[in-house]
Amino acid sequence: MGHNRGMSHRSRVASLACFTALGALSAPGGASAAHSVGSREQVEWVRRAATNFVTAELAGNGAGACGILDASLRGTEHHRTCAQRWDARLASLLRAPGGRARLRAQKHAIATSAVIVRGYDATIELPTPLLDSSNRFVWSENCWMLDR
């Protein structure tokens, strides 16, 4: 697919961070993948990535959230790193009325939401989007990364 061409130091670090972040939480116990499409392992990886993303959001951890984002979304913009942008975004989100409750509900829903894996793309069917209007993941850097 071309994601492994000339992997830079930054990409290797991101790949290591991806494996570390995905290993930090175990797969949801007893979650049925019957309504999902893809292998059990793929479905569990996508759910784990989504759970790790929401866990980082709840903790106000911009760097943790960035560790789940695809490389195309992690770059520096307007002299602000991904972590700086997400720290600010999460501080605002967590201060907003109902923000933390929405994230907790979303985290709870991940364990039973359908995951659809098609090749190098996957989606998780949640009541609210993980990122802007997207619940899309791409297989990149040897794991599932959240993308738009």
Protein backbone atom coordinates (compact mmCIF):
# COMPACT_ATOMS: atom_id res chain seq x y z
CA MET A 1 0.00 0.00 0.00
CA GLY A 2 3.02 2.26 0.15
CA HIS A 3 2.87 3.16 3.84
CA ASN A 4 6.21 1.50 4.59
CA ARG A 5 8.31 3.20 1.88
CA GLY A 6 11.42 4.79 3.36
CA MET A 7 10.11 4.87 6.91
CA SER A 8 11.58 7.95 8.57
CA HIS A 9 12.74 8.13 12.18
CA ARG A 10 9.52 10.00 13.01
CA SER A 11 7.44 7.23 11.42
CA ARG A 12 9.34 4.54 13.33
CA VAL A 13 8.72 6.41 16.59
CA ALA A 14 5.04 6.79 15.67
CA SER A 15 4.86 3.07 14.87
CA LEU A 16 6.38 2.21 18.25
CA ALA A 17 3.95 4.60 19.93
CA CYS A 18 1.10 2.91 18.08
CA PHE A 19 2.09 -0.54 19.33
CA THR A 20 2.55 0.81 22.85
CA ALA A 21 -0.78 2.64 22.83
CA LEU A 22 -2.65 -0.33 21.43
CA GLY A 23 -1.11 -2.66 23.97
CA ALA A 24 -1.97 -0.35 26.88
CA LEU A 25 -5.57 -1.52 27.06
CA SER A 26 -6.87 -5.02 26.61
CA ALA A 27 -9.62 -5.83 24.17
CA PRO A 28 -13.12 -5.42 25.54
CA GLY A 29 -14.00 -8.68 27.27
CA GLY A 30 -16.85 -10.66 25.84
CA ALA A 31 -17.63 -8.17 23.09
CA SER A 32 -19.37 -10.00 20.28
CA ALA A 33 -18.02 -9.41 16.82
CA ALA A 34 -20.96 -11.25 15.21
CA HIS A 35 -22.32 -8.09 13.60
CA SER A 36 -18.85 -6.94 12.54
CA VAL A 37 -17.01 -7.64 9.28
CA GLY A 38 -13.35 -8.67 9.44
CA SER A 39 -11.30 -11.12 11.43
CA ARG A 40 -11.72 -11.18 15.19
CA GLU A 41 -8.19 -9.78 15.57
CA GLN A 42 -8.89 -6.90 13.18
CA VAL A 43 -12.13 -6.02 14.96
CA GLU A 44 -10.39 -6.12 18.35
CA TRP A 45 -7.54 -3.90 17.08
CA VAL A 46 -9.96 -1.28 15.77
CA ARG A 47 -11.93 -1.33 19.02
CA ARG A 48 -8.72 -1.08 21.04
CA ALA A 49 -7.52 1.88 18.97
CA ALA A 50 -10.87 3.63 19.38
CA THR A 51 -10.86 2.94 23.12
CA ASN A 52 -7.31 4.25 23.48
CA PHE A 53 -8.25 7.40 21.57
CA VAL A 54 -11.26 8.13 23.80
CA THR A 55 -9.26 7.26 26.94
CA ALA A 56 -6.63 9.83 25.92
CA GLU A 57 -9.39 12.38 25.30
CA LEU A 58 -10.91 11.77 28.75
CA ALA A 59 -7.47 12.25 30.32
CA GLY A 60 -6.93 15.50 28.39
CA ASN A 61 -3.85 13.85 26.87
CA GLY A 62 -3.24 15.49 23.49
CA ALA A 63 -0.08 13.48 22.81
CA GLY A 64 -1.96 10.24 23.52
CA ALA A 65 -4.74 11.23 21.14
CA CYS A 66 -2.18 12.10 18.46
CA GLY A 67 -0.59 8.67 18.89
CA ILE A 68 -3.76 7.12 17.43
CA LEU A 69 -4.08 9.58 14.53
CA ASP A 70 -2.81 8.73 11.06
CA ALA A 71 0.46 10.48 10.15
CA SER A 72 -1.34 12.86 7.80
CA LEU A 73 -3.14 14.36 10.83
CA ARG A 74 -0.14 14.59 13.19
CA GLY A 75 1.85 17.34 11.50
CA THR A 76 2.64 20.78 12.84
CA GLU A 77 0.11 23.43 11.79
CA HIS A 78 0.45 27.17 12.36
CA HIS A 79 3.53 26.53 14.55
CA ARG A 80 1.55 24.21 16.86
CA THR A 81 2.30 20.52 17.21
CA CYS A 82 -0.41 17.90 17.09
CA ALA A 83 -0.17 17.48 20.87
CA GLN A 84 -0.51 21.24 21.44
CA ARG A 85 -3.56 21.45 19.18
CA TRP A 86 -5.20 18.45 20.83
CA ASP A 87 -4.36 19.63 24.36
CA ALA A 88 -6.22 22.87 23.60
CA ARG A 89 -9.09 21.06 21.88
CA LEU A 90 -9.49 18.60 24.74
CA ALA A 91 -9.33 21.27 27.44
CA SER A 92 -12.24 23.02 25.72
CA LEU A 93 -14.16 19.79 25.15
CA LEU A 94 -13.78 18.62 28.74
CA ARG A 95 -14.89 22.03 30.10
CA ALA A 96 -18.00 22.07 27.92
CA PRO A 97 -21.24 20.95 29.56
CA GLY A 98 -21.73 17.25 28.89
CA GLY A 99 -18.35 16.85 27.16
CA ARG A 100 -16.92 14.34 29.60
CA ALA A 101 -20.23 12.42 29.81
CA ARG A 102 -20.38 12.17 26.01
CA LEU A 103 -16.87 10.71 25.92
CA ARG A 104 -17.67 8.21 28.67
CA ALA A 105 -20.79 7.11 26.77
CA GLN A 106 -18.78 6.82 23.58
CA LYS A 107 -16.10 4.74 25.34
CA HIS A 108 -18.78 2.43 26.72
CA ALA A 109 -20.37 2.01 23.25
CA ILE A 110 -17.10 0.95 21.57
CA ALA A 111 -17.19 -2.55 23.07
CA THR A 112 -20.39 -3.51 21.25
CA SER A 113 -20.34 -1.28 18.16
CA ALA A 114 -20.05 -2.94 14.77
CA VAL A 115 -16.64 -2.73 13.12
CA ILE A 116 -16.43 -3.04 9.35
CA VAL A 117 -12.99 -3.87 7.92
CA ARG A 118 -12.46 -3.73 4.16
CA GLY A 119 -8.84 -4.12 3.12
CA TYR A 120 -6.80 -1.29 4.63
CA ASP A 121 -9.85 0.69 5.78
CA ALA A 122 -12.10 0.16 8.78
CA THR A 123 -14.99 1.97 10.40
CA ILE A 124 -16.64 1.62 13.78
CA GLU A 125 -20.33 2.39 14.02
CA LEU A 126 -20.67 4.70 17.04
CA PRO A 127 -23.56 7.02 17.96
CA THR A 128 -21.19 10.02 17.71
CA PRO A 129 -18.05 10.48 15.60
CA LEU A 130 -14.57 10.01 17.07
CA LEU A 131 -12.96 12.69 14.91
CA ASP A 132 -14.96 15.53 13.39
CA SER A 133 -17.47 13.54 11.34
CA SER A 134 -15.36 10.39 10.99
CA ASN A 135 -15.13 6.97 12.61
CA ARG A 136 -12.68 5.78 9.94
CA PHE A 137 -9.41 3.98 10.57
CA VAL A 138 -6.64 3.14 8.11
CA TRP A 139 -4.06 0.37 8.42
CA SER A 140 -0.87 2.36 8.67
CA GLU A 141 2.41 2.06 10.58
CA ASN A 142 1.54 -1.58 11.34
CA CYS A 143 -1.67 -0.79 13.22
CA TRP A 144 -5.07 0.87 12.85
CA MET A 145 -4.83 4.67 12.94
CA LEU A 146 -7.78 7.09 13.11
CA ASP A 147 -8.22 9.11 9.92
CA ARG A 148 -10.75 11.44 8.30
